[in-house]
Amino acid sequence: MAKKAKNNAPEEEVNWLKEIVGMVVYVAFVVLAVWLIITFVGQRTEVSGSSMYDTLENGDNLWVSKISYHLHDPERFDIVVFPHVEEDGEQVFYIKRIIGMPGETVRIDEEGTIYINDKVLEEEYGYETIEPAMIGRAYENVVLGEDEYFVMGDNRNDSKDSRFEEVGNIKREELEGKAVFRIWPFSKFGKVE
């Protein structure tokens, strides 16, 4: 007895439609996952300028952890990223090192020595001695609020940072994240310190 051939057209059409729906759901999931990572976990950022020389150089690509400060408090000497509005109204992101912590008093004397609560700050990050013209408002005591940080670039004579009124103290809520490691160039790949 001969079997009658079945018409498979509707079944093939359903499989094709399933494939399209599956692909759309997959792409939507990937886009959502990327958005969540970039918004809440971390992102790549590129250093522009020389204010963090010699720790970071112009063109270095970094991974910035946005989740770090949801898990623990910022620490002295962390390299942080925060937004700043320039004179022309453009928003840029600065990358600097935390020097002063909430509740502390920061001062820089005429020799360029940094004091925290009247004690010399022991650190090895400054590229060079701070020139008198670059002491800025830190010539007098700068008292930090309970949610404020004093940040400076490592290239102390070529950095617009908390020493100057246009940047000032940085509030905790302004900290976008912590620079964790360098991802480019490969010759310098590794942890950012």
Protein backbone atom coordinates (compact mmCIF):
# COMPACT_ATOMS: atom_id res chain seq x y z
CA MET A 1 0.00 0.00 0.00
CA ALA A 2 1.40 3.34 -1.05
CA LYS A 3 1.56 6.16 1.52
CA LYS A 4 0.22 9.53 0.62
CA ALA A 5 2.85 12.33 0.72
CA LYS A 6 2.21 14.93 3.37
CA ASN A 7 2.40 18.63 2.65
CA ASN A 8 5.13 20.06 4.98
CA ALA A 9 4.73 23.72 3.98
CA PRO A 10 2.86 24.94 7.09
CA GLU A 11 5.30 23.14 9.44
CA GLU A 12 8.34 24.69 7.67
CA GLU A 13 6.73 28.12 7.87
CA VAL A 14 6.19 27.74 11.63
CA ASN A 15 9.86 26.71 12.13
CA TRP A 16 11.04 29.71 10.12
CA LEU A 17 8.88 32.05 12.23
CA LYS A 18 10.21 30.40 15.41
CA GLU A 19 13.77 31.03 14.25
CA ILE A 20 13.09 34.73 13.64
CA VAL A 21 11.39 35.19 17.01
CA GLY A 22 14.23 33.30 18.71
CA MET A 23 16.83 35.50 17.03
CA VAL A 24 14.98 38.72 17.99
CA VAL A 25 14.73 37.56 21.63
CA TYR A 26 18.45 36.64 21.62
CA VAL A 27 19.52 40.04 20.20
CA ALA A 28 17.27 41.86 22.69
CA PHE A 29 18.83 39.87 25.55
CA VAL A 30 22.38 40.70 24.37
CA VAL A 31 21.54 44.42 24.03
CA LEU A 32 19.97 44.44 27.51
CA ALA A 33 22.96 42.60 29.03
CA VAL A 34 25.44 45.04 27.44
CA TRP A 35 23.38 48.02 28.63
CA LEU A 36 23.25 46.64 32.19
CA ILE A 37 27.02 46.02 32.22
CA ILE A 38 27.88 49.48 30.87
CA THR A 39 25.39 51.21 33.17
CA PHE A 40 25.97 49.35 36.42
CA VAL A 41 29.09 47.17 36.26
CA GLY A 42 31.84 48.88 34.29
CA GLN A 43 33.01 50.33 31.03
CA ARG A 44 36.07 51.08 28.95
CA THR A 45 37.36 54.63 29.03
CA GLU A 46 40.24 56.32 27.25
CA VAL A 47 42.68 58.69 28.95
CA SER A 48 42.85 62.07 27.23
CA GLY A 49 45.68 64.35 28.28
CA SER A 50 48.66 64.12 30.61
CA SER A 51 47.23 64.99 34.04
CA MET A 52 47.82 61.44 35.34
CA TYR A 53 51.33 61.04 33.86
CA ASP A 54 53.37 58.97 34.62
CA THR A 55 50.84 56.45 35.95
CA LEU A 56 48.55 56.86 32.94
CA GLU A 57 49.33 58.31 29.54
CA ASN A 58 47.30 59.92 26.80
CA GLY A 59 45.55 57.18 24.82
CA ASP A 60 45.62 54.51 27.54
CA ASN A 61 42.38 52.49 27.61
CA LEU A 62 41.11 51.50 31.04
CA TRP A 63 38.37 49.36 32.52
CA VAL A 64 36.41 51.44 35.04
CA SER A 65 34.46 49.46 37.63
CA LYS A 66 31.15 51.15 38.34
CA ILE A 67 30.11 48.53 40.85
CA SER A 68 33.17 48.87 43.14
CA TYR A 69 31.77 51.69 45.22
CA HIS A 70 28.45 49.92 45.68
CA LEU A 71 30.40 47.12 47.37
CA HIS A 72 32.90 49.17 49.41
CA ASP A 73 33.91 52.74 50.17
CA PRO A 74 36.47 54.61 48.05
CA GLU A 75 39.98 54.47 49.46
CA ARG A 76 42.87 56.92 49.49
CA PHE A 77 44.93 56.69 46.29
CA ASP A 78 42.14 55.05 44.23
CA ILE A 79 42.07 56.37 40.68
CA VAL A 80 38.52 57.56 40.05
CA VAL A 81 36.44 58.87 37.17
CA PHE A 82 33.89 61.67 37.67
CA PRO A 83 31.98 64.11 35.43
CA HIS A 84 32.96 67.76 35.12
CA VAL A 85 31.22 70.52 33.19
CA GLU A 86 33.70 72.67 31.27
CA GLU A 87 33.38 76.47 30.86
CA ASP A 88 31.73 75.98 27.43
CA GLY A 89 29.05 73.78 29.03
CA GLU A 90 30.44 70.51 27.65
CA GLN A 91 30.47 67.58 30.07
CA VAL A 92 33.71 65.64 30.19
CA PHE A 93 34.95 62.93 32.52
CA TYR A 94 38.03 63.53 34.64
CA ILE A 95 40.29 60.81 35.92
CA LYS A 96 42.20 61.65 39.12
CA ARG A 97 43.61 60.07 42.28
CA ILE A 98 41.88 60.38 45.68
CA ILE A 99 44.17 62.26 48.08
CA GLY A 100 41.82 63.51 50.81
CA MET A 101 39.03 61.50 52.42
CA PRO A 102 35.70 62.63 53.94
CA GLY A 103 36.07 64.72 57.10
CA GLU A 104 39.79 65.39 56.55
CA THR A 105 41.62 68.70 56.12
CA VAL A 106 43.99 69.02 53.16
CA ARG A 107 46.73 71.64 52.83
CA ILE A 108 49.76 72.08 50.59
CA ASP A 109 52.68 74.21 51.76
CA GLU A 110 54.93 76.47 49.64
CA GLU A 111 57.41 73.59 49.11
CA GLY A 112 54.66 71.46 47.60
CA THR A 113 54.29 69.11 50.57
CA ILE A 114 50.77 67.73 51.03
CA TYR A 115 49.34 67.59 54.57
CA ILE A 116 46.32 65.61 55.70
CA ASN A 117 45.06 66.74 59.12
CA ASP A 118 48.42 68.53 59.63
CA LYS A 119 50.46 65.36 58.98
CA VAL A 120 52.64 64.90 55.90
CA LEU A 121 50.98 62.60 53.37
CA GLU A 122 53.28 59.67 52.65
CA GLU A 123 52.80 58.88 48.97
CA GLU A 124 54.80 58.04 45.87
CA TYR A 125 52.39 59.04 43.13
CA GLY A 126 53.23 62.67 42.37
CA TYR A 127 55.29 62.93 39.19
CA GLU A 128 57.04 66.07 40.40
CA THR A 129 57.07 68.59 43.25
CA ILE A 130 54.08 70.92 43.20
CA GLU A 131 55.04 74.42 42.04
CA PRO A 132 53.72 77.37 44.10
CA ALA A 133 51.44 78.49 41.24
CA MET A 134 49.76 75.04 41.29
CA ILE A 135 48.91 74.95 45.00
CA GLY A 136 45.64 76.76 44.34
CA ARG A 137 43.06 76.86 47.12
CA ALA A 138 44.98 74.16 49.05
CA TYR A 139 47.40 76.85 50.25
CA GLU A 140 44.75 77.34 52.95
CA ASN A 141 43.11 74.43 54.77
CA VAL A 142 40.50 72.67 52.62
CA VAL A 143 38.03 70.96 54.94
CA LEU A 144 36.18 68.06 53.34
CA GLY A 145 32.54 67.30 54.14
CA GLU A 146 31.35 63.85 55.22
CA ASP A 147 30.76 62.80 51.59
CA GLU A 148 33.57 64.75 49.87
CA TYR A 149 36.93 63.76 48.40
CA PHE A 150 39.98 65.81 47.41
CA VAL A 151 41.43 64.53 44.12
CA MET A 152 44.61 65.35 42.24
CA GLY A 153 46.29 64.27 39.04
CA ASP A 154 49.65 62.53 39.38
CA ASN A 155 51.19 65.12 37.05
CA ARG A 156 50.73 67.73 39.77
CA ASN A 157 51.87 70.73 37.70
CA ASP A 158 49.65 69.88 34.73
CA SER A 159 46.33 68.91 36.29
CA LYS A 160 43.04 70.71 36.85
CA ASP A 161 41.76 69.10 40.05
CA SER A 162 40.44 69.77 43.58
CA ARG A 163 43.11 72.41 44.16
CA PHE A 164 41.11 74.74 41.93
CA GLU A 165 37.62 76.18 42.46
CA GLU A 166 36.31 75.07 39.04
CA VAL A 167 36.71 71.43 40.14
CA GLY A 168 36.66 71.65 43.94
CA ASN A 169 35.76 68.83 46.28
CA ILE A 170 34.16 65.78 44.69
CA LYS A 171 31.04 64.32 46.28
CA ARG A 172 30.72 60.54 46.63
CA GLU A 173 27.65 60.49 44.38
CA GLU A 174 29.73 62.04 41.58
CA LEU A 175 32.22 59.17 41.50
CA GLU A 176 31.37 57.18 38.36
CA GLY A 177 33.77 54.41 39.23
CA LYS A 178 37.27 53.22 39.97
CA ALA A 179 39.92 52.61 37.29
CA VAL A 180 40.83 48.95 37.77
CA PHE A 181 43.12 47.91 34.94
CA ARG A 182 44.64 49.05 31.67
CA ILE A 183 43.36 47.15 28.63
CA TRP A 184 45.35 48.95 25.96
CA PRO A 185 48.15 49.30 24.98
CA PHE A 186 49.01 45.64 25.53
CA SER A 187 52.60 46.53 26.45
CA LYS A 188 51.19 48.13 29.63
CA PHE A 189 48.25 45.77 30.18
CA GLY A 190 47.51 45.21 33.83
CA LYS A 191 46.34 46.64 37.13
CA VAL A 192 46.26 50.42 37.48
CA GLU A 193 48.04 51.62 40.63
